[in-house]
Protein backbone atom coordinates (compact mmCIF):
# COMPACT_ATOMS: atom_id res chain seq x y z
CA MET A 1 14.02 0.32 -26.17
CA SER A 2 16.73 0.05 -23.53
CA LYS A 3 16.71 1.02 -19.93
CA ILE A 4 18.88 3.72 -18.18
CA LYS A 5 17.18 3.67 -14.71
CA ASP A 6 14.31 1.66 -13.20
CA ASN A 7 11.89 4.33 -14.17
CA GLN A 8 13.53 5.56 -17.40
CA VAL A 9 13.43 4.00 -20.89
CA ILE A 10 14.89 5.02 -24.24
CA LEU A 11 12.57 5.80 -27.09
CA ASN A 12 14.15 4.91 -30.45
CA LEU A 13 12.73 7.08 -33.16
CA GLU A 14 13.42 6.51 -36.85
CA LEU A 15 12.26 9.39 -39.02
CA GLN A 16 12.46 9.54 -42.88
CA LEU A 17 13.58 13.07 -43.84
CA ARG A 18 13.80 13.54 -47.58
CA ASP A 19 16.42 11.13 -48.67
CA SER A 20 17.96 10.26 -45.23
CA LEU A 21 16.89 8.19 -42.31
CA VAL A 22 17.28 9.87 -38.88
CA LYS A 23 17.63 7.70 -35.81
CA LEU A 24 17.02 9.32 -32.44
CA GLU A 25 17.39 7.89 -28.88
CA ILE A 26 15.38 9.90 -26.41
CA PRO A 27 15.18 9.13 -22.58
CA VAL A 28 11.66 9.08 -21.34
CA GLU A 29 10.91 9.04 -17.60
CA LEU A 30 8.08 6.78 -16.47
CA PRO A 31 5.28 7.11 -15.70
CA PHE A 32 4.81 9.70 -18.37
CA GLU A 33 1.75 11.82 -18.32
CA GLU A 34 -0.03 11.53 -21.75
CA THR A 35 -1.11 15.19 -21.48
CA LYS A 36 2.58 16.18 -21.90
CA ILE A 37 2.99 14.55 -25.32
CA PRO A 38 2.47 17.67 -27.48
CA GLU A 39 4.92 19.65 -25.21
CA PHE A 40 7.43 16.78 -25.32
CA THR A 41 6.98 16.50 -29.17
CA GLN A 42 7.86 20.17 -29.48
CA LEU A 43 10.90 19.78 -27.21
CA ILE A 44 12.23 16.86 -29.43
CA ILE A 45 11.67 18.99 -32.62
CA THR A 46 13.52 21.98 -31.19
CA SER A 47 16.33 19.99 -29.57
CA PHE A 48 17.25 18.06 -32.65
CA ASP A 49 16.40 20.85 -35.04
CA LEU A 50 13.87 18.85 -37.00
CA PRO A 51 11.43 20.16 -39.55
CA ILE A 52 7.87 20.73 -38.28
CA ILE A 53 6.47 18.36 -40.83
CA VAL A 54 7.45 15.38 -38.63
CA GLU A 55 5.59 16.63 -35.60
CA ASP A 56 2.48 14.40 -36.21
CA ASP A 57 4.63 11.35 -36.84
CA ILE A 58 6.67 11.97 -33.65
CA ALA A 59 3.53 12.61 -31.53
CA LYS A 60 2.00 9.42 -32.85
CA LYS A 61 5.01 7.28 -32.11
CA LEU A 62 5.49 8.96 -28.72
CA SER A 63 1.84 8.37 -27.85
CA GLU A 64 2.04 4.61 -28.72
CA PHE A 65 5.36 4.33 -26.83
CA VAL A 66 4.14 6.15 -23.75
CA GLU A 67 0.94 4.06 -23.53
CA LYS A 68 2.80 0.76 -23.91
CA GLU A 69 5.63 1.58 -21.55
CA ASN A 70 3.44 3.19 -18.87
CA LEU A 71 1.35 -0.04 -18.87
CA ASN A 72 4.52 -2.15 -18.61
CA TYR A 73 5.95 0.03 -15.83
CA LEU A 74 2.76 0.05 -13.73
CA THR A 75 2.22 -3.56 -14.21
CA LYS A 76 5.81 -4.29 -12.96
CA ILE A 77 5.37 -2.02 -9.93
CA TRP A 78 2.08 -3.61 -9.18
CA LYS A 79 3.59 -7.12 -9.19
CA ILE A 80 6.47 -5.99 -6.96
CA ASP A 81 4.00 -4.41 -4.49
CA GLU A 82 1.84 -7.61 -4.66
CA ASP A 83 4.81 -9.80 -3.83
CA ASN A 84 5.79 -7.65 -0.85
CA VAL A 85 2.25 -7.43 0.70
CA ASP A 86 2.91 -9.98 3.42
CA GLN A 87 6.25 -8.47 4.25
CA ASN A 88 4.81 -4.95 4.40
CA ILE A 89 2.05 -6.08 6.63
CA LYS A 90 4.54 -7.63 9.04
CA VAL A 91 6.67 -4.53 9.08
CA TRP A 92 3.60 -2.24 9.73
CA GLU A 93 2.29 -4.57 12.40
CA GLN A 94 5.59 -4.54 14.21
CA SER A 95 5.97 -0.75 13.87
CA PHE A 96 2.38 -0.28 15.26
CA ARG A 97 3.12 -2.62 18.13
CA ASP A 98 6.39 -0.86 19.07
CA GLU A 99 4.79 2.52 18.82
CA THR A 100 1.90 1.53 20.91
CA LEU A 101 4.03 -0.04 23.61
CA GLN A 102 6.35 3.06 23.65
CA TYR A 103 3.55 5.38 24.55
CA ASN A 104 1.29 2.96 26.44
CA PRO A 105 3.31 0.40 28.30
CA PRO A 106 1.44 -2.76 29.33
CA GLU A 107 0.02 -2.81 32.83
CA VAL A 108 0.76 -5.72 35.02
CA VAL A 109 -2.35 -6.75 36.79
CA GLY A 110 -2.04 -8.78 40.00
CA ASP A 111 -4.51 -11.29 41.43
CA ASP A 112 -5.70 -8.94 44.08
CA GLU A 113 -6.76 -6.42 41.39
CA VAL A 114 -8.61 -9.07 39.37
CA PHE A 115 -10.41 -10.36 42.47
CA ALA A 116 -11.37 -6.81 43.52
CA GLU A 117 -12.77 -6.03 40.11
CA ALA A 118 -14.71 -9.31 39.82
CA TYR A 119 -16.03 -8.75 43.37
CA HIS A 120 -17.07 -5.24 42.51
CA SER A 121 -18.83 -6.30 39.32
CA LEU A 122 -20.64 -9.10 41.26
CA VAL A 123 -21.82 -6.82 44.06
CA HIS A 124 -23.19 -4.23 41.70
CA SER A 125 -24.74 -6.81 39.39
CA PRO A 126 -28.59 -7.23 39.18
CA MET A 127 -27.98 -10.95 39.38
CA LEU A 128 -26.57 -10.74 42.96
CA GLY A 129 -29.95 -11.56 44.59
CA THR A 130 -30.40 -14.62 42.41
CA LEU A 131 -26.89 -15.83 42.94
CA LEU A 132 -27.28 -15.40 46.80
CA ARG A 133 -30.62 -17.47 46.70
CA LYS A 134 -29.00 -20.19 44.62
CA GLU A 135 -25.98 -20.32 46.97
CA SER A 136 -28.31 -20.54 49.96
CA ALA A 137 -30.30 -23.43 48.35
CA LEU A 138 -27.10 -25.25 47.56
CA ASN A 139 -25.90 -24.90 51.08
CA SER A 140 -29.08 -26.23 52.44
CA THR A 141 -28.97 -29.28 50.12
CA ILE A 142 -25.37 -30.03 51.20
CA ARG A 143 -26.34 -29.72 54.87
CA GLU A 144 -29.25 -32.11 54.40
CA MET A 145 -26.97 -34.60 52.63
CA HIS A 146 -24.51 -34.63 55.53
CA ARG A 147 -27.17 -35.37 58.28
């Protein structure tokens, strides 16, 4: 087995035909769907003008090859993706931040706005009466201490 591209490997087939040994090198693109093995077997037979007797042998070897190489290919891809997870997360995070800021620029909030919002929340709070009574009691205590 040798590689042509990252997702393509060479299937080396050796078939015994009568008194001769036939060696074939067939490129197989990965991942290869196992449901296409019978079709690919027929393609090999017609392309190389082989006798139909070798069909079962080719299908068996192709099936074993595809199972092994698909597993190797997918394992390799999974490891590559696993190694790049942190990098991918950072890229997505930065892209999301840039996109969000592009369409929703951050608002600069001044002290006056913060005070107005806090005052509004306090005035409309159910705790306003309690806070005013506590403040009045504190005021009275401070006045008594200064006498």
